[in-house]
Amino acid sequence: MQETKRATIYFDPAIHHALRIKAADLHCSISEIVNEALRQALREDADDLAAFEDRAAEPEISYEALLKDLKKHGKL
């Protein structure tokens, strides 16, 4: 069995209520719901970091240059 760590988390009362209802509906614990939500958020972060890495070699453009280009091409 995988070792777990205990932490105290303070939820907004409405969030806590929603989590309790969802946990009961899914027949699981609040911890399982929170762990899965955090896993998903961390996967999304990893995907974002990979996308940044993939695009690192692309040329940079300043915000001002981007606006000028959009205006030049009739997008603004």
C-alpha atoms as a PDB file:
ATOM      1  CA  MET A   1       0.000   0.000   0.000  1.00  0.00           C
ATOM      2  CA  GLN A   2       1.219   3.479  -0.851  1.00  0.00           C
ATOM      3  CA  GLU A   3       2.169   5.692   2.063  1.00  0.00           C
ATOM      4  CA  THR A   4       0.067   8.827   2.421  1.00  0.00           C
ATOM      5  CA  LYS A   5       0.833  12.129   4.100  1.00  0.00           C
ATOM      6  CA  ARG A   6      -1.573  14.083   6.216  1.00  0.00           C
ATOM      7  CA  ALA A   7      -2.139  17.819   5.771  1.00  0.00           C
ATOM      8  CA  THR A   8      -4.643  20.317   7.039  1.00  0.00           C
ATOM      9  CA  ILE A   9      -6.477  22.231   4.336  1.00  0.00           C
ATOM     10  CA  TYR A  10      -8.969  24.993   5.041  1.00  0.00           C
ATOM     11  CA  PHE A  11     -11.862  25.122   2.570  1.00  0.00           C
ATOM     12  CA  ASP A  12     -14.416  27.799   2.006  1.00  0.00           C
ATOM     13  CA  PRO A  13     -17.592  26.425   3.651  1.00  0.00           C
ATOM     14  CA  ALA A  14     -19.488  26.259   0.347  1.00  0.00           C
ATOM     15  CA  ILE A  15     -16.605  24.379  -1.314  1.00  0.00           C
ATOM     16  CA  HIS A  16     -16.418  21.965   1.609  1.00  0.00           C
ATOM     17  CA  HIS A  17     -20.155  21.334   1.400  1.00  0.00           C
ATOM     18  CA  ALA A  18     -19.924  20.653  -2.342  1.00  0.00           C
ATOM     19  CA  LEU A  19     -16.982  18.287  -1.794  1.00  0.00           C
ATOM     20  CA  ARG A  20     -18.874  16.354   0.884  1.00  0.00           C
ATOM     21  CA  ILE A  21     -21.870  15.935  -1.408  1.00  0.00           C
ATOM     22  CA  LYS A  22     -19.701  14.922  -4.370  1.00  0.00           C
ATOM     23  CA  ALA A  23     -17.754  12.435  -2.249  1.00  0.00           C
ATOM     24  CA  ALA A  24     -20.974  10.849  -1.015  1.00  0.00           C
ATOM     25  CA  ASP A  25     -22.368  10.711  -4.547  1.00  0.00           C
ATOM     26  CA  LEU A  26     -19.185   9.091  -5.894  1.00  0.00           C
ATOM     27  CA  HIS A  27     -18.741   6.817  -2.855  1.00  0.00           C
ATOM     28  CA  CYS A  28     -15.216   8.087  -2.268  1.00  0.00           C
ATOM     29  CA  SER A  29     -13.422  10.374   0.150  1.00  0.00           C
ATOM     30  CA  ILE A  30     -12.802  14.101  -0.083  1.00  0.00           C
ATOM     31  CA  SER A  31      -9.090  13.221  -0.097  1.00  0.00           C
ATOM     32  CA  GLU A  32      -9.534  11.127  -3.242  1.00  0.00           C
ATOM     33  CA  ILE A  33     -11.335  13.984  -4.997  1.00  0.00           C
ATOM     34  CA  VAL A  34      -8.720  16.550  -3.966  1.00  0.00           C
ATOM     35  CA  ASN A  35      -5.827  14.251  -4.921  1.00  0.00           C
ATOM     36  CA  GLU A  36      -7.304  13.627  -8.375  1.00  0.00           C
ATOM     37  CA  ALA A  37      -7.942  17.343  -8.923  1.00  0.00           C
ATOM     38  CA  LEU A  38      -4.344  18.140  -7.965  1.00  0.00           C
ATOM     39  CA  ARG A  39      -2.986  15.371 -10.209  1.00  0.00           C
ATOM     40  CA  GLN A  40      -4.956  16.848 -13.098  1.00  0.00           C
ATOM     41  CA  ALA A  41      -3.693  20.372 -12.368  1.00  0.00           C
ATOM     42  CA  LEU A  42      -0.091  19.119 -12.188  1.00  0.00           C
ATOM     43  CA  ARG A  43      -0.505  17.216 -15.498  1.00  0.00           C
ATOM     44  CA  GLU A  44      -1.769  20.432 -17.089  1.00  0.00           C
ATOM     45  CA  ASP A  45       1.240  22.316 -15.691  1.00  0.00           C
ATOM     46  CA  ALA A  46       3.569  19.668 -17.139  1.00  0.00           C
ATOM     47  CA  ASP A  47       1.838  19.959 -20.533  1.00  0.00           C
ATOM     48  CA  ASP A  48       2.187  23.753 -20.424  1.00  0.00           C
ATOM     49  CA  LEU A  49       5.886  23.523 -19.567  1.00  0.00           C
ATOM     50  CA  ALA A  50       6.428  21.061 -22.424  1.00  0.00           C
ATOM     51  CA  ALA A  51       4.660  23.436 -24.826  1.00  0.00           C
ATOM     52  CA  PHE A  52       6.874  26.313 -23.677  1.00  0.00           C
ATOM     53  CA  GLU A  53       9.943  24.155 -24.207  1.00  0.00           C
ATOM     54  CA  ASP A  54       8.759  23.113 -27.678  1.00  0.00           C
ATOM     55  CA  ARG A  55       8.299  26.752 -28.670  1.00  0.00           C
ATOM     56  CA  ALA A  56      11.507  28.079 -27.082  1.00  0.00           C
ATOM     57  CA  ALA A  57      13.245  28.374 -30.459  1.00  0.00           C
ATOM     58  CA  GLU A  58      10.473  30.468 -31.996  1.00  0.00           C
ATOM     59  CA  PRO A  59      11.286  34.120 -32.558  1.00  0.00           C
ATOM     60  CA  GLU A  60       9.989  36.532 -29.952  1.00  0.00           C
ATOM     61  CA  ILE A  61       7.823  39.517 -30.805  1.00  0.00           C
ATOM     62  CA  SER A  62       7.079  42.439 -28.543  1.00  0.00           C
ATOM     63  CA  TYR A  63       3.524  43.354 -27.675  1.00  0.00           C
ATOM     64  CA  GLU A  64       3.932  46.664 -29.509  1.00  0.00           C
ATOM     65  CA  ALA A  65       5.155  44.891 -32.663  1.00  0.00           C
ATOM     66  CA  LEU A  66       2.272  42.424 -32.429  1.00  0.00           C
ATOM     67  CA  LEU A  67      -0.255  45.257 -32.254  1.00  0.00           C
ATOM     68  CA  LYS A  68       1.346  47.000 -35.234  1.00  0.00           C
ATOM     69  CA  ASP A  69       1.258  43.772 -37.230  1.00  0.00           C
ATOM     70  CA  LEU A  70      -2.405  43.144 -36.363  1.00  0.00           C
ATOM     71  CA  LYS A  71      -3.287  46.715 -37.380  1.00  0.00           C
ATOM     72  CA  LYS A  72      -1.271  46.409 -40.601  1.00  0.00           C
ATOM     73  CA  HIS A  73      -3.217  43.287 -41.571  1.00  0.00           C
ATOM     74  CA  GLY A  74      -6.615  44.794 -40.697  1.00  0.00           C
ATOM     75  CA  LYS A  75      -7.167  42.670 -37.603  1.00  0.00           C
ATOM     76  CA  LEU A  76      -7.562  45.720 -35.330  1.00  0.00           C
END
